[in-house]
């Protein structure tokens, strides 16, 4: 038996030619594909959550955007992120129908609480940072009821 004696490459340029070298993207893709399916899913969801975080912060810094639009966008993104966390990290996606009912009722309760909070906020007449008018009759009644006798 004869063996061919070849010398190992002495420099990195000799070890891989530019045409046969896999690109960095294909190397990362191969590593990603070699991970277990659950880990890949978690990483994809994590990436989506981080992208939504960047979108939330970016929208907050848009000048001249009405605060109602800013709040609506932030709440919409928060609901999307909460849904992703519940479905994938809390494993509701693969759960029984009873779990879906309880998770859905929790989101329904959250929607009711947000609707009630927004209704309260929309019906207020005071401006944040503004000192209330003490000549208002309701404030005068409040002061008289709190005064020592």
C-alpha atoms as a PDB file:
ATOM      1  CA  UNK A   1       0.000   0.000   0.000  1.00  0.00           C
ATOM      2  CA  UNK A   2       1.334   3.294  -0.960  1.00  0.00           C
ATOM      3  CA  UNK A   3       0.237   6.544   0.533  1.00  0.00           C
ATOM      4  CA  UNK A   4       0.529   9.817  -1.200  1.00  0.00           C
ATOM      5  CA  UNK A   5       2.406  12.247   0.910  1.00  0.00           C
ATOM      6  CA  UNK A   6       0.915  15.675   0.710  1.00  0.00           C
ATOM      7  CA  UNK A   7       2.055  18.552   2.796  1.00  0.00           C
ATOM      8  CA  UNK A   8      -0.557  20.402   4.777  1.00  0.00           C
ATOM      9  CA  UNK A   9      -1.262  23.953   3.708  1.00  0.00           C
ATOM     10  CA  UNK A  10       0.875  26.514   5.449  1.00  0.00           C
ATOM     11  CA  UNK A  11      -1.403  29.532   5.241  1.00  0.00           C
ATOM     12  CA  UNK A  12      -5.162  30.065   5.396  1.00  0.00           C
ATOM     13  CA  UNK A  13      -5.156  31.292   1.795  1.00  0.00           C
ATOM     14  CA  UNK A  14      -3.768  27.950   0.647  1.00  0.00           C
ATOM     15  CA  UNK A  15      -6.256  25.907   2.690  1.00  0.00           C
ATOM     16  CA  UNK A  16      -9.334  27.286   0.933  1.00  0.00           C
ATOM     17  CA  UNK A  17      -9.560  28.727  -2.479  1.00  0.00           C
ATOM     18  CA  UNK A  18     -11.974  31.651  -2.921  1.00  0.00           C
ATOM     19  CA  UNK A  19     -14.296  29.621  -5.108  1.00  0.00           C
ATOM     20  CA  UNK A  20     -14.595  26.623  -2.774  1.00  0.00           C
ATOM     21  CA  UNK A  21     -14.784  28.548   0.480  1.00  0.00           C
ATOM     22  CA  UNK A  22     -18.278  28.597   1.949  1.00  0.00           C
ATOM     23  CA  UNK A  23     -19.535  32.060   2.658  1.00  0.00           C
ATOM     24  CA  UNK A  24     -20.100  33.233   6.211  1.00  0.00           C
ATOM     25  CA  UNK A  25     -23.852  33.289   5.628  1.00  0.00           C
ATOM     26  CA  UNK A  26     -23.935  29.673   4.493  1.00  0.00           C
ATOM     27  CA  UNK A  27     -21.825  28.662   7.497  1.00  0.00           C
ATOM     28  CA  UNK A  28     -24.262  30.386   9.867  1.00  0.00           C
ATOM     29  CA  UNK A  29     -27.209  28.872   8.019  1.00  0.00           C
ATOM     30  CA  UNK A  30     -25.689  25.407   8.336  1.00  0.00           C
ATOM     31  CA  UNK A  31     -25.141  25.915  12.082  1.00  0.00           C
ATOM     32  CA  UNK A  32     -28.690  27.236  12.466  1.00  0.00           C
ATOM     33  CA  UNK A  33     -30.128  24.253  10.562  1.00  0.00           C
ATOM     34  CA  UNK A  34     -28.158  21.834  12.740  1.00  0.00           C
ATOM     35  CA  UNK A  35     -29.875  23.129  15.889  1.00  0.00           C
ATOM     36  CA  UNK A  36     -32.905  21.290  17.267  1.00  0.00           C
ATOM     37  CA  UNK A  37     -36.231  22.490  15.864  1.00  0.00           C
ATOM     38  CA  UNK A  38     -37.400  23.927  19.210  1.00  0.00           C
ATOM     39  CA  UNK A  39     -34.248  26.004  19.604  1.00  0.00           C
ATOM     40  CA  UNK A  40     -34.578  27.319  16.044  1.00  0.00           C
ATOM     41  CA  UNK A  41     -38.180  28.317  16.752  1.00  0.00           C
ATOM     42  CA  UNK A  42     -37.161  30.111  19.952  1.00  0.00           C
ATOM     43  CA  UNK A  43     -34.401  31.983  18.139  1.00  0.00           C
ATOM     44  CA  UNK A  44     -36.736  33.076  15.339  1.00  0.00           C
ATOM     45  CA  UNK A  45     -39.365  34.279  17.827  1.00  0.00           C
ATOM     46  CA  UNK A  46     -36.661  36.057  19.826  1.00  0.00           C
ATOM     47  CA  UNK A  47     -35.513  37.812  16.645  1.00  0.00           C
ATOM     48  CA  UNK A  48     -39.079  38.874  15.864  1.00  0.00           C
ATOM     49  CA  UNK A  49     -39.510  40.191  19.420  1.00  0.00           C
ATOM     50  CA  UNK A  50     -36.298  42.211  19.165  1.00  0.00           C
ATOM     51  CA  UNK A  51     -37.366  43.626  15.787  1.00  0.00           C
ATOM     52  CA  UNK A  52     -40.713  44.659  17.276  1.00  0.00           C
ATOM     53  CA  UNK A  53     -38.856  46.284  20.171  1.00  0.00           C
ATOM     54  CA  UNK A  54     -36.818  48.347  17.714  1.00  0.00           C
ATOM     55  CA  UNK A  55     -40.012  49.334  15.869  1.00  0.00           C
ATOM     56  CA  UNK A  56     -41.657  50.397  19.145  1.00  0.00           C
ATOM     57  CA  UNK A  57     -38.703  52.591  20.106  1.00  0.00           C
ATOM     58  CA  UNK A  58     -38.423  54.029  16.596  1.00  0.00           C
ATOM     59  CA  UNK A  59     -42.105  54.991  16.538  1.00  0.00           C
ATOM     60  CA  UNK A  60     -41.716  56.681  19.931  1.00  0.00           C
ATOM     61  CA  UNK A  61     -39.013  58.950  18.487  1.00  0.00           C
ATOM     62  CA  UNK A  62     -40.960  60.048  15.392  1.00  0.00           C
ATOM     63  CA  UNK A  63     -41.402  63.822  15.747  1.00  0.00           C
ATOM     64  CA  UNK A  64     -44.830  65.426  15.380  1.00  0.00           C
ATOM     65  CA  UNK A  65     -46.632  62.111  15.762  1.00  0.00           C
ATOM     66  CA  UNK A  66     -49.874  62.550  17.714  1.00  0.00           C
ATOM     67  CA  UNK A  67     -49.766  60.837  21.078  1.00  0.00           C
ATOM     68  CA  UNK A  68     -52.916  58.878  20.299  1.00  0.00           C
ATOM     69  CA  UNK A  69     -51.257  57.311  17.257  1.00  0.00           C
ATOM     70  CA  UNK A  70     -48.117  56.611  19.275  1.00  0.00           C
ATOM     71  CA  UNK A  71     -50.135  54.887  22.020  1.00  0.00           C
ATOM     72  CA  UNK A  72     -52.164  52.912  19.473  1.00  0.00           C
ATOM     73  CA  UNK A  73     -49.030  51.670  17.688  1.00  0.00           C
ATOM     74  CA  UNK A  74     -47.284  50.839  20.962  1.00  0.00           C
ATOM     75  CA  UNK A  75     -50.296  48.908  22.264  1.00  0.00           C
ATOM     76  CA  UNK A  76     -50.694  47.024  18.995  1.00  0.00           C
ATOM     77  CA  UNK A  77     -47.047  45.978  19.007  1.00  0.00           C
ATOM     78  CA  UNK A  78     -47.285  45.046  22.696  1.00  0.00           C
ATOM     79  CA  UNK A  79     -50.278  42.808  21.989  1.00  0.00           C
ATOM     80  CA  UNK A  80     -48.411  41.133  19.121  1.00  0.00           C
ATOM     81  CA  UNK A  81     -45.384  40.547  21.355  1.00  0.00           C
ATOM     82  CA  UNK A  82     -47.546  39.208  24.198  1.00  0.00           C
ATOM     83  CA  UNK A  83     -49.277  36.845  21.784  1.00  0.00           C
ATOM     84  CA  UNK A  84     -45.942  35.501  20.530  1.00  0.00           C
ATOM     85  CA  UNK A  85     -44.695  34.967  24.082  1.00  0.00           C
ATOM     86  CA  UNK A  86     -47.887  33.176  25.124  1.00  0.00           C
ATOM     87  CA  UNK A  87     -48.020  30.989  22.022  1.00  0.00           C
ATOM     88  CA  UNK A  88     -44.386  29.945  21.816  1.00  0.00           C
ATOM     89  CA  UNK A  89     -42.600  30.473  25.131  1.00  0.00           C
ATOM     90  CA  UNK A  90     -45.579  29.402  27.252  1.00  0.00           C
ATOM     91  CA  UNK A  91     -46.324  26.513  24.839  1.00  0.00           C
ATOM     92  CA  UNK A  92     -49.992  27.381  24.374  1.00  0.00           C
ATOM     93  CA  UNK A  93     -49.655  26.662  20.655  1.00  0.00           C
ATOM     94  CA  UNK A  94     -49.353  22.921  21.335  1.00  0.00           C
ATOM     95  CA  UNK A  95     -51.704  22.893  24.345  1.00  0.00           C
ATOM     96  CA  UNK A  96     -55.203  21.496  24.759  1.00  0.00           C
ATOM     97  CA  UNK A  97     -58.390  23.371  23.946  1.00  0.00           C
ATOM     98  CA  UNK A  98     -58.996  24.101  27.627  1.00  0.00           C
ATOM     99  CA  UNK A  99     -55.695  25.958  27.784  1.00  0.00           C
ATOM    100  CA  UNK A 100     -56.701  27.938  24.687  1.00  0.00           C
ATOM    101  CA  UNK A 101     -59.974  28.905  26.389  1.00  0.00           C
ATOM    102  CA  UNK A 102     -58.173  30.143  29.492  1.00  0.00           C
ATOM    103  CA  UNK A 103     -55.533  32.011  27.485  1.00  0.00           C
ATOM    104  CA  UNK A 104     -58.233  33.562  25.305  1.00  0.00           C
ATOM    105  CA  UNK A 105     -60.242  34.634  28.332  1.00  0.00           C
ATOM    106  CA  UNK A 106     -57.128  36.278  29.766  1.00  0.00           C
ATOM    107  CA  UNK A 107     -56.713  38.286  26.555  1.00  0.00           C
ATOM    108  CA  UNK A 108     -60.424  39.156  26.595  1.00  0.00           C
ATOM    109  CA  UNK A 109     -60.066  40.421  30.165  1.00  0.00           C
ATOM    110  CA  UNK A 110     -57.003  42.428  29.138  1.00  0.00           C
ATOM    111  CA  UNK A 111     -58.979  43.963  26.248  1.00  0.00           C
ATOM    112  CA  UNK A 112     -61.792  44.924  28.641  1.00  0.00           C
ATOM    113  CA  UNK A 113     -59.334  46.558  31.050  1.00  0.00           C
ATOM    114  CA  UNK A 114     -57.608  48.486  28.246  1.00  0.00           C
ATOM    115  CA  UNK A 115     -60.980  49.618  26.852  1.00  0.00           C
ATOM    116  CA  UNK A 116     -62.118  50.843  30.283  1.00  0.00           C
ATOM    117  CA  UNK A 117     -58.816  52.633  30.868  1.00  0.00           C
ATOM    118  CA  UNK A 118     -58.931  54.333  27.475  1.00  0.00           C
ATOM    119  CA  UNK A 119     -62.576  55.332  28.026  1.00  0.00           C
ATOM    120  CA  UNK A 120     -61.630  56.920  31.358  1.00  0.00           C
ATOM    121  CA  UNK A 121     -58.665  58.691  29.796  1.00  0.00           C
ATOM    122  CA  UNK A 122     -60.727  59.990  26.875  1.00  0.00           C
ATOM    123  CA  UNK A 123     -63.381  61.512  29.125  1.00  0.00           C
ATOM    124  CA  UNK A 124     -61.060  63.480  31.408  1.00  0.00           C
ATOM    125  CA  UNK A 125     -61.049  67.246  31.127  1.00  0.00           C
ATOM    126  CA  UNK A 126     -57.816  68.038  32.932  1.00  0.00           C
ATOM    127  CA  UNK A 127     -54.517  68.626  31.230  1.00  0.00           C
ATOM    128  CA  UNK A 128     -51.438  66.949  32.726  1.00  0.00           C
ATOM    129  CA  UNK A 129     -49.174  69.429  34.464  1.00  0.00           C
ATOM    130  CA  UNK A 130     -51.859  72.069  34.747  1.00  0.00           C
ATOM    131  CA  UNK A 131     -52.819  73.368  38.195  1.00  0.00           C
ATOM    132  CA  UNK A 132     -56.553  72.831  38.753  1.00  0.00           C
ATOM    133  CA  UNK A 133     -58.825  75.840  39.144  1.00  0.00           C
ATOM    134  CA  UNK A 134     -59.614  76.167  42.871  1.00  0.00           C
ATOM    135  CA  UNK A 135     -62.689  78.288  42.154  1.00  0.00           C
ATOM    136  CA  UNK A 136     -64.384  75.254  40.628  1.00  0.00           C
ATOM    137  CA  UNK A 137     -67.440  74.329  42.767  1.00  0.00           C
ATOM    138  CA  UNK A 138     -66.475  70.685  43.192  1.00  0.00           C
ATOM    139  CA  UNK A 139     -63.027  71.619  44.524  1.00  0.00           C
ATOM    140  CA  UNK A 140     -64.558  74.140  46.908  1.00  0.00           C
ATOM    141  CA  UNK A 141     -66.899  71.459  48.273  1.00  0.00           C
ATOM    142  CA  UNK A 142     -63.975  69.102  48.683  1.00  0.00           C
ATOM    143  CA  UNK A 143     -61.957  71.705  50.600  1.00  0.00           C
ATOM    144  CA  UNK A 144     -64.876  72.541  52.874  1.00  0.00           C
ATOM    145  CA  UNK A 145     -65.473  68.883  53.669  1.00  0.00           C
ATOM    146  CA  UNK A 146     -61.804  68.382  54.555  1.00  0.00           C
ATOM    147  CA  UNK A 147     -61.495  71.528  56.700  1.00  0.00           C
ATOM    148  CA  UNK A 148     -61.213  70.935  60.458  1.00  0.00           C
ATOM    149  CA  UNK A 149     -64.340  71.818  62.456  1.00  0.00           C
END
